[in-house]
Amino acid sequence: MKFLKINQTLLDYKIVSVDQSNPDHVIFHVLTKYEGVGGNGELPELQIIVHKSNGVYKVLIQPGTVINMDPSQPNYKTVEYNQKITIGE
């Protein structure tokens, strides 16, 4: 999960579901729990995409993934993909 820039220890994970309808583009829905992350350490469900290219599977980095972990916000524990991120936000 380094690509999510979480610098904490992964304590647990659970694969909730897997979409294998396209064997060259598999989508995992995963719950993770990290040491030092607010609340109980659990992040909301994330999509992890694994793409097959030249016979090798690789995790696709989804730029602009925003995980809201601010409990004061109405969209707390939500995930948005492909968001435009501005430094300082």
Protein backbone atom coordinates (compact mmCIF):
# COMPACT_ATOMS: atom_id res chain seq x y z
CA MET A 1 0.00 0.00 0.00
CA LYS A 2 3.00 2.30 -0.28
CA PHE A 3 1.50 3.81 -3.41
CA LEU A 4 -1.25 5.24 -1.16
CA LYS A 5 1.50 7.01 0.81
CA ILE A 6 0.39 5.47 4.09
CA ASN A 7 3.48 5.35 6.27
CA GLN A 8 1.96 3.15 8.95
CA THR A 9 2.11 -0.58 9.62
CA LEU A 10 -0.57 -2.67 7.94
CA LEU A 11 -2.33 -4.60 10.72
CA ASP A 12 -4.97 -6.45 8.74
CA TYR A 13 -6.71 -6.63 5.38
CA LYS A 14 -9.73 -8.35 3.93
CA ILE A 15 -10.59 -8.88 0.28
CA VAL A 16 -14.31 -8.10 0.15
CA SER A 17 -14.86 -8.99 -3.50
CA VAL A 18 -13.03 -9.56 -6.75
CA ASP A 19 -14.27 -8.63 -10.22
CA GLN A 20 -12.61 -11.06 -12.63
CA SER A 21 -14.98 -10.42 -15.53
CA ASN A 22 -11.93 -9.24 -17.51
CA PRO A 23 -8.98 -11.52 -16.60
CA ASP A 24 -6.53 -8.91 -17.91
CA HIS A 25 -7.96 -6.20 -15.63
CA VAL A 26 -8.93 -7.60 -12.21
CA ILE A 27 -10.49 -5.29 -9.60
CA PHE A 28 -10.12 -6.15 -5.92
CA HIS A 29 -12.29 -4.44 -3.30
CA VAL A 30 -10.25 -4.42 -0.10
CA LEU A 31 -10.66 -3.30 3.51
CA THR A 32 -7.44 -2.42 5.32
CA LYS A 33 -6.51 -1.60 8.89
CA TYR A 34 -3.40 0.40 9.79
CA GLU A 35 -1.63 1.22 13.01
CA GLY A 36 -1.86 4.93 13.82
CA VAL A 37 -4.74 5.74 11.47
CA GLY A 38 -7.58 7.69 13.14
CA GLY A 39 -10.61 5.93 14.55
CA ASN A 40 -10.16 2.17 14.69
CA GLY A 41 -7.44 2.19 12.03
CA GLU A 42 -9.72 1.06 9.23
CA LEU A 43 -9.76 2.79 5.89
CA PRO A 44 -12.90 2.71 3.76
CA GLU A 45 -13.16 0.02 1.10
CA LEU A 46 -10.60 0.61 -1.66
CA GLN A 47 -10.43 -0.54 -5.26
CA ILE A 48 -7.10 -2.11 -6.15
CA ILE A 49 -6.76 -2.70 -9.89
CA VAL A 50 -4.36 -5.35 -11.15
CA HIS A 51 -3.68 -5.22 -14.89
CA LYS A 52 -1.98 -7.87 -17.01
CA SER A 53 0.50 -6.52 -19.52
CA ASN A 54 2.95 -8.67 -21.49
CA GLY A 55 2.03 -11.66 -19.33
CA VAL A 56 2.81 -9.88 -16.05
CA TYR A 57 0.27 -8.58 -13.53
CA LYS A 58 0.94 -5.13 -12.06
CA VAL A 59 -0.99 -2.94 -9.64
CA LEU A 60 -2.31 0.12 -11.44
CA ILE A 61 -1.73 3.30 -9.50
CA GLN A 62 -4.88 5.41 -9.55
CA PRO A 63 -3.66 9.03 -9.42
CA GLY A 64 -5.96 11.40 -7.64
CA THR A 65 -7.31 8.90 -5.13
CA VAL A 66 -8.64 10.85 -2.15
CA ILE A 67 -9.50 9.08 1.10
CA ASN A 68 -11.36 11.39 3.49
CA MET A 69 -10.37 10.49 7.05
CA ASP A 70 -11.52 13.76 8.66
CA PRO A 71 -14.36 12.86 11.06
CA SER A 72 -15.66 16.44 11.02
CA GLN A 73 -16.51 16.20 7.31
CA PRO A 74 -19.87 14.92 6.01
CA ASN A 75 -18.09 12.62 3.53
CA TYR A 76 -15.91 11.03 6.25
CA LYS A 77 -14.53 7.59 5.28
CA THR A 78 -15.32 7.98 1.60
CA VAL A 79 -13.02 7.34 -1.35
CA GLU A 80 -13.00 9.36 -4.55
CA TYR A 81 -10.96 8.30 -7.55
CA ASN A 82 -9.28 10.42 -10.24
CA GLN A 83 -9.70 13.72 -8.41
CA LYS A 84 -7.62 16.74 -9.31
CA ILE A 85 -5.33 17.32 -6.35
CA THR A 86 -3.84 20.72 -5.65
CA ILE A 87 -0.85 20.97 -3.32
CA GLY A 88 -1.94 22.58 -0.07
CA GLU A 89 -5.48 21.18 -0.04
